[in-house]
Every structure is written in structure tokens, then in C-alpha cells.
Amino acid sequence: MFAGFQTDDIDVGDSVVHVRHAGDGPAVVLLHGHPRTGSTWHSVAPSLLERGFTVVVPDLPGYGASTAPAPQPDHARHSKRATAERILATMDALGRDRFALVGHDRGSYVAFRLALDHPERVPRLALLDCIPIVEHLERITPEFATAWWHWFFFAQPGIPERVILADPDAWYHGDPQRMGQENHDEWRRAMRTSSVVLAMLEDYRAGLTVDVAHEKEDRRAGRRIEQPLLVLWSGRDDLEELFGDPLAIWRDWADDVSGGPIDSGHHMAEERPEALAVALGEFLDPLFGDPRHDA
């Protein structure tokens, strides 16, 4: 995986971010979701590199080979704001002042937060399989609670880590043929690491507490996504079925929204990497005409 990419472990103060990166064009950061590592992008990243971009693929702090600080009762150390600051520090260490962001699943919430908090750093934003957390919670139905019950299970103190670590392979079902063997092996190592499982759960605990509070503050203050926003979702997953058109929801949060479904299950970077790379490439290509990028 990631032939031609350099791998670094960057100390960002309270964490170490494991990151793969390559290229010398406009920068794009790919943020994975739960329960993956950065290796989920193993087919998408080379395609964007060939297109001329600098491609940066971190393991989210606490996930994969990255580290995260110990939890605290208010979950703030694992908030999307704190995680976004660690990604920002990673890009500072790599000498990149401006970079596009692509986030999937939990990584999309980090990308969303970074773009809101630091719009001057992020010229373009792509969010995959995502609507704001507060929009999920304000639309709770029996169907949502049944399909997404893990959100609320993961939020319980102490219980889910014992359940998952008792038999990670039974809890998370990875398919090496669909994922690719190396991606699967990296992911499986992470799933069997107690600190990774704890950090992933803290991500969800922060989501239902400090993160949703931040989003409510954003909405009250009228803060919106200023950048062009691409919203993609898995057509064979349940986001649109549960919540309707994601574009309509995001237009309450952003001024310039485009996108649509990818014919895929939830892990689109593994299942439909060609289609995803094309959609992302076409959205990101205008960066080549932006004189402010850091190539």
C-alpha cells in the first residue's frame, strides 16, 4: 500500500499522529472513519497523487498507529475540536498552510470542525456519509435508534470496551477480499489494541456531549461553512433513507453545496475507490488555479 508515500510520526504535543504523505501539488488531507485507519484510503490516495495533488493520510489521533491523551470526564480531549487542532498541527509540521479536507464517517466530523474553526486554512471541504451530529439527534426515530444503536451503546461508561476487547474479531467483521489484505491486517491490529478501542469510544462519547454542544453554539452564532462543500454518501447505506436528502440538510450549514450518492456500501473508499477518486478529483481540481496553495 501507498507506494512512494513517506511515513512519519509527528509529535503534536499531547499526541503523536502517524501520517503517510506524498506529492508536491495542492494539498488534500484524507480523514478516515470508524473503525478504520488511514489505510482505508489505499486505493483513493494514489489516484489523487497521480492527479497532481499532495496527499496527506493520517491515522486520526487515537486510531491506528496514532496516539491520543488519556480520557477525561468531560471527553474534551477527544472532541472533534481537539482532534482538529492535532490535524492542524500535523499540517503545520509538514509545512502546509492551506489544504483541502476530505472526511468520511467520524473523520468527516473532524473535517467539519476544522473547516468551521479555521476557514482561512481550508479552501475546499468534502464530507462523506455525514450530516451534523445535532441534525442526527434532532431527528431521532425508532428506525434511527435501531439502526444506529451503537452511538448510544458506545457512549456508556466502561461497558463497550469490555465487550469489544473480549472478542474484537466477532465484534468487527473485516473482509480481507473487500478491504485488501494489507488494509485488513493493519485494521485488525488496531482493533485488538486496547488504547485504540478506548480512543474510538471516547470519540463517540465526545460526539454526544461536547461535540453536539459545539454545533449548537455554531448554529446560534450563525456560523456556516464558507468554502465550497462537496457532500457524498453511500447509496447502498441508510443515510438518505433515514434522513432524506443530505444536501438539503447541509444547505442549512453551508452556502455552496453540491454532491450526490456513490453506488456503494458504507466504506466507499474500499468498495468504489475509482468512482470516489473521480468525484473528489473533479471537486478539488480548481485548487490548481489558486495561487495561495503551498506547492
Protein backbone atom coordinates (compact mmCIF):
# COMPACT_ATOMS: atom_id res chain seq x y z
CA MET A 1 0.00 0.00 0.00
CA PHE A 2 0.97 3.65 -0.51
CA ALA A 3 3.97 3.05 -2.77
CA GLY A 4 6.00 6.26 -2.96
CA PHE A 5 4.48 7.73 0.20
CA GLN A 6 6.64 8.85 3.12
CA THR A 7 5.55 7.79 6.62
CA ASP A 8 6.13 9.96 9.68
CA ASP A 9 5.10 10.03 13.32
CA ILE A 10 4.58 13.69 14.21
CA ASP A 11 4.55 14.88 17.81
CA VAL A 12 1.75 17.41 18.18
CA GLY A 13 2.07 17.94 21.92
CA ASP A 14 -0.39 15.64 23.66
CA SER A 15 -0.46 13.08 20.83
CA VAL A 16 1.61 11.56 18.06
CA VAL A 17 0.00 11.48 14.61
CA HIS A 18 1.01 8.68 12.27
CA VAL A 19 0.79 10.05 8.74
CA ARG A 20 1.54 8.99 5.18
CA HIS A 21 2.16 11.74 2.63
CA ALA A 22 3.45 12.30 -0.88
CA GLY A 23 3.32 14.81 -3.72
CA ASP A 24 4.16 18.43 -4.49
CA GLY A 25 0.87 19.95 -5.65
CA PRO A 26 -2.05 21.48 -3.74
CA ALA A 27 -2.55 19.55 -0.52
CA VAL A 28 -5.54 17.39 0.36
CA VAL A 29 -5.95 15.61 3.70
CA LEU A 30 -7.94 12.37 3.83
CA LEU A 31 -9.54 11.58 7.20
CA HIS A 32 -10.92 8.10 7.76
CA GLY A 33 -13.87 6.99 9.84
CA HIS A 34 -14.71 4.33 12.42
CA PRO A 35 -13.39 1.69 12.80
CA ARG A 36 -10.79 2.13 10.06
CA THR A 37 -7.27 3.54 9.91
CA GLY A 38 -5.75 5.76 7.24
CA SER A 39 -5.09 2.66 5.17
CA THR A 40 -8.77 2.63 4.14
CA TRP A 41 -7.69 5.23 1.51
CA HIS A 42 -5.09 2.88 -0.03
CA SER A 43 -6.76 2.92 -3.45
CA VAL A 44 -8.01 6.54 -3.43
CA ALA A 45 -4.79 8.25 -2.29
CA PRO A 46 -2.62 7.06 -5.22
CA SER A 47 -5.29 8.20 -7.69
CA LEU A 48 -5.27 11.72 -6.23
CA LEU A 49 -1.47 11.69 -6.20
CA GLU A 50 -1.42 10.81 -9.89
CA ARG A 51 -3.79 13.71 -10.48
CA GLY A 52 -1.09 16.04 -9.14
CA PHE A 53 -2.14 16.64 -5.55
CA THR A 54 -0.06 16.35 -2.42
CA VAL A 55 -1.96 13.70 -0.47
CA VAL A 56 -1.78 13.50 3.32
CA VAL A 57 -3.30 10.47 5.05
CA PRO A 58 -3.17 10.49 8.86
CA ASP A 59 -4.49 7.96 11.30
CA LEU A 60 -6.88 10.04 13.39
CA PRO A 61 -5.44 10.67 16.86
CA GLY A 62 -6.16 7.58 18.95
CA TYR A 63 -6.88 5.42 15.90
CA GLY A 64 -4.47 3.07 14.16
CA ALA A 65 -0.84 3.91 14.91
CA SER A 66 -1.60 7.43 16.19
CA THR A 67 -1.86 8.13 19.90
CA ALA A 68 -4.26 10.24 21.94
CA PRO A 69 -4.22 11.59 25.50
CA ALA A 70 -5.92 9.80 28.36
CA PRO A 71 -9.67 10.42 28.58
CA GLN A 72 -11.16 12.95 30.96
CA PRO A 73 -14.72 13.03 32.37
CA ASP A 74 -15.99 15.72 30.02
CA HIS A 75 -14.46 13.95 26.96
CA ALA A 76 -12.99 17.26 25.75
CA ARG A 77 -9.60 15.75 24.94
CA HIS A 78 -11.36 13.58 22.34
CA SER A 79 -13.64 16.29 20.99
CA LYS A 80 -13.62 16.99 17.28
CA ARG A 81 -12.24 20.44 18.08
CA ALA A 82 -9.26 18.95 19.94
CA THR A 83 -8.71 16.36 17.21
CA ALA A 84 -8.94 19.03 14.52
CA GLU A 85 -6.25 21.04 16.29
CA ARG A 86 -3.98 17.98 16.20
CA ILE A 87 -4.56 17.60 12.46
CA LEU A 88 -3.82 21.30 12.04
CA ALA A 89 -0.57 20.90 13.98
CA THR A 90 0.33 17.94 11.76
CA MET A 91 -0.09 20.07 8.66
CA ASP A 92 1.95 22.86 10.26
CA ALA A 93 4.74 20.33 10.84
CA LEU A 94 4.53 19.33 7.17
CA GLY A 95 4.79 22.99 6.14
CA ARG A 96 1.29 23.31 4.72
CA ASP A 97 -0.65 26.48 5.46
CA ARG A 98 -3.66 25.64 3.26
CA PHE A 99 -5.12 22.24 2.45
CA ALA A 100 -8.39 20.76 1.29
CA LEU A 101 -10.10 18.32 3.63
CA VAL A 102 -11.92 15.09 2.86
CA GLY A 103 -13.56 13.29 5.77
CA HIS A 104 -15.53 10.06 5.95
CA ASP A 105 -17.80 8.98 8.81
CA ARG A 106 -16.16 10.08 12.10
CA GLY A 107 -13.38 11.76 10.15
CA SER A 108 -15.99 13.93 8.49
CA TYR A 109 -16.86 15.47 11.86
CA VAL A 110 -13.21 16.36 12.40
CA ALA A 111 -13.04 17.88 8.91
CA PHE A 112 -16.26 19.80 9.52
CA ARG A 113 -14.94 21.21 12.79
CA LEU A 114 -11.55 22.18 11.36
CA ALA A 115 -13.17 23.94 8.40
CA LEU A 116 -15.55 25.86 10.69
CA ASP A 117 -12.86 26.85 13.18
CA HIS A 118 -10.14 27.67 10.62
CA PRO A 119 -11.81 28.64 7.33
CA GLU A 120 -8.71 30.52 6.18
CA ARG A 121 -6.78 27.23 6.17
CA VAL A 122 -9.28 25.09 4.24
CA PRO A 123 -10.15 26.18 0.67
CA ARG A 124 -12.39 23.19 -0.09
CA LEU A 125 -14.22 20.62 2.02
CA ALA A 126 -15.67 17.20 1.15
CA LEU A 127 -17.80 15.32 3.69
CA LEU A 128 -18.74 11.67 3.09
CA ASP A 129 -21.60 9.82 4.81
CA CYS A 130 -22.21 12.69 7.19
CA ILE A 131 -24.70 15.21 8.47
CA PRO A 132 -24.04 17.31 11.61
CA ILE A 133 -24.40 15.39 14.86
CA VAL A 134 -27.06 17.76 16.13
CA GLU A 135 -29.12 17.09 12.99
CA HIS A 136 -28.99 13.36 13.74
CA LEU A 137 -30.07 13.84 17.32
CA GLU A 138 -32.93 16.17 16.46
CA ARG A 139 -34.26 13.57 14.03
CA ILE A 140 -34.24 10.55 16.35
CA THR A 141 -36.84 7.99 15.36
CA PRO A 142 -37.25 4.32 16.29
CA GLU A 143 -35.70 3.49 12.91
CA PHE A 144 -32.62 5.64 13.61
CA ALA A 145 -32.24 4.34 17.17
CA THR A 146 -32.48 0.75 15.91
CA ALA A 147 -30.07 1.14 13.01
CA TRP A 148 -27.56 3.40 14.80
CA TRP A 149 -27.86 1.94 18.30
CA HIS A 150 -24.07 1.70 18.53
CA TRP A 151 -23.88 5.50 19.02
CA PHE A 152 -25.65 5.13 22.34
CA PHE A 153 -24.01 1.86 23.34
CA PHE A 154 -20.53 3.31 22.75
CA ALA A 155 -21.45 6.25 24.98
CA GLN A 156 -21.91 4.02 28.02
CA PRO A 157 -19.03 4.20 30.54
CA GLY A 158 -16.83 1.12 30.81
CA ILE A 159 -19.14 -1.43 29.20
CA PRO A 160 -18.40 -1.31 25.44
CA GLU A 161 -14.62 -1.57 25.81
CA ARG A 162 -15.04 -4.83 27.77
CA VAL A 163 -17.45 -6.22 25.21
CA ILE A 164 -15.34 -5.31 22.17
CA LEU A 165 -11.97 -6.38 23.58
CA ALA A 166 -13.37 -9.74 24.71
CA ASP A 167 -13.53 -10.75 21.04
CA PRO A 168 -12.65 -7.98 18.55
CA ASP A 169 -12.97 -10.30 15.55
CA ALA A 170 -16.53 -11.17 16.49
CA TRP A 171 -17.45 -7.52 17.04
CA TYR A 172 -15.83 -6.08 13.91
CA HIS A 173 -16.20 -8.23 10.83
CA GLY A 174 -13.45 -7.38 8.35
CA ASP A 175 -13.27 -9.00 4.93
CA PRO A 176 -9.71 -9.05 3.51
CA GLN A 177 -11.01 -9.62 -0.01
CA ARG A 178 -13.16 -6.48 0.09
CA MET A 179 -10.75 -4.39 2.14
CA GLY A 180 -7.47 -5.57 0.59
CA GLN A 181 -5.21 -7.82 2.64
CA GLU A 182 -2.75 -5.17 3.87
CA ASN A 183 -5.52 -2.75 4.79
CA HIS A 184 -7.34 -5.54 6.59
CA ASP A 185 -4.24 -6.59 8.51
CA GLU A 186 -3.49 -3.03 9.63
CA TRP A 187 -7.10 -2.51 10.68
CA ARG A 188 -7.19 -5.84 12.55
CA ARG A 189 -4.07 -4.98 14.56
CA ALA A 190 -5.69 -1.71 15.60
CA MET A 191 -8.94 -3.41 16.64
CA ARG A 192 -7.01 -5.64 19.04
CA THR A 193 -5.25 -2.69 20.75
CA SER A 194 -6.98 -1.59 23.94
CA SER A 195 -5.84 2.05 23.69
CA VAL A 196 -7.30 2.29 20.17
CA VAL A 197 -10.64 0.83 21.21
CA LEU A 198 -10.82 3.24 24.16
CA ALA A 199 -9.99 6.24 21.96
CA MET A 200 -12.63 5.25 19.40
CA LEU A 201 -15.24 5.01 22.13
CA GLU A 202 -14.18 8.37 23.54
CA ASP A 203 -14.73 9.78 20.04
CA TYR A 204 -18.39 8.70 20.27
CA ARG A 205 -18.74 9.86 23.88
CA ALA A 206 -17.46 13.27 22.87
CA GLY A 207 -19.87 13.25 19.95
CA LEU A 208 -22.94 13.05 22.16
CA THR A 209 -21.67 15.62 24.67
CA VAL A 210 -19.06 18.29 23.92
CA ASP A 211 -19.27 17.99 20.11
CA VAL A 212 -23.02 18.47 19.89
CA ALA A 213 -22.70 21.42 22.29
CA HIS A 214 -20.17 23.00 19.91
CA GLU A 215 -22.52 22.51 16.96
CA LYS A 216 -25.39 24.12 18.83
CA GLU A 217 -23.12 27.08 19.60
CA ASP A 218 -22.22 27.33 15.91
CA ARG A 219 -25.86 27.38 14.91
CA ARG A 220 -26.81 30.01 17.49
CA ALA A 221 -23.91 32.18 16.29
CA GLY A 222 -24.85 31.74 12.64
CA ARG A 223 -21.50 30.18 11.76
CA ARG A 224 -21.54 28.48 8.36
CA ILE A 225 -19.21 26.63 6.04
CA GLU A 226 -17.76 29.33 3.81
CA GLN A 227 -15.85 27.02 1.48
CA PRO A 228 -17.29 25.06 -1.43
CA LEU A 229 -18.67 21.89 0.15
CA LEU A 230 -18.97 18.51 -1.58
CA VAL A 231 -21.33 16.05 0.13
CA LEU A 232 -21.21 12.42 -0.95
CA TRP A 233 -22.99 9.49 0.61
CA SER A 234 -23.17 5.73 0.13
CA GLY A 235 -26.22 4.95 -1.98
CA ARG A 236 -26.49 1.43 -0.56
CA ASP A 237 -26.25 2.60 3.06
CA ASP A 238 -29.09 4.17 5.07
CA LEU A 239 -28.22 7.86 5.49
CA GLU A 240 -30.64 9.12 2.84
CA GLU A 241 -33.28 6.56 3.80
CA LEU A 242 -33.29 7.74 7.41
CA PHE A 243 -32.87 11.49 6.94
CA GLY A 244 -33.87 12.40 3.39
CA ASP A 245 -31.67 14.40 1.04
CA PRO A 246 -28.37 15.15 2.82
CA LEU A 247 -27.81 18.14 0.51
CA ALA A 248 -30.95 19.81 1.84
CA ILE A 249 -29.71 19.39 5.42
CA TRP A 250 -26.25 20.76 4.61
CA ARG A 251 -27.69 23.84 2.90
CA ASP A 252 -28.70 24.99 6.39
CA TRP A 253 -24.99 24.94 7.28
CA ALA A 254 -23.20 25.97 4.09
CA ASP A 255 -23.68 28.36 1.18
CA ASP A 256 -22.12 26.38 -1.69
CA VAL A 257 -23.19 22.73 -1.53
CA SER A 258 -23.00 20.08 -4.24
CA GLY A 259 -22.79 16.30 -4.37
CA GLY A 260 -24.82 13.13 -4.51
CA PRO A 261 -24.71 9.40 -3.84
CA ILE A 262 -21.95 6.94 -4.69
CA ASP A 263 -23.22 3.48 -5.63
CA SER A 264 -21.55 1.75 -2.70
CA GLY A 265 -21.92 0.38 0.77
CA HIS A 266 -20.68 2.41 3.72
CA HIS A 267 -16.92 2.02 3.17
CA MET A 268 -16.90 3.70 -0.23
CA ALA A 269 -13.12 4.25 -0.30
CA GLU A 270 -12.68 0.47 -0.29
CA GLU A 271 -15.75 -0.56 -2.29
CA ARG A 272 -15.80 2.11 -5.03
CA PRO A 273 -12.40 3.83 -4.96
CA GLU A 274 -12.39 4.69 -8.67
CA ALA A 275 -15.74 6.48 -8.59
CA LEU A 276 -14.83 8.25 -5.34
CA ALA A 277 -11.42 9.37 -6.63
CA VAL A 278 -13.01 10.82 -9.76
CA ALA A 279 -15.66 12.72 -7.77
CA LEU A 280 -13.07 14.08 -5.36
CA GLY A 281 -10.61 14.93 -8.11
CA GLU A 282 -13.15 16.92 -10.11
CA PHE A 283 -14.17 18.84 -6.98
CA LEU A 284 -10.57 19.55 -5.95
CA ASP A 285 -9.13 20.40 -9.37
CA PRO A 286 -9.84 24.17 -9.01
CA LEU A 287 -7.12 24.23 -6.34
CA PHE A 288 -4.58 24.14 -9.17
CA GLY A 289 -5.73 27.60 -10.18
CA ASP A 290 -5.47 29.02 -6.66
CA PRO A 291 -2.22 30.98 -6.27
CA ARG A 292 -2.41 30.68 -2.47
CA HIS A 293 -1.68 26.96 -2.27
CA ASP A 294 1.62 25.82 -0.85
CA ALA A 295 3.07 23.65 -3.60
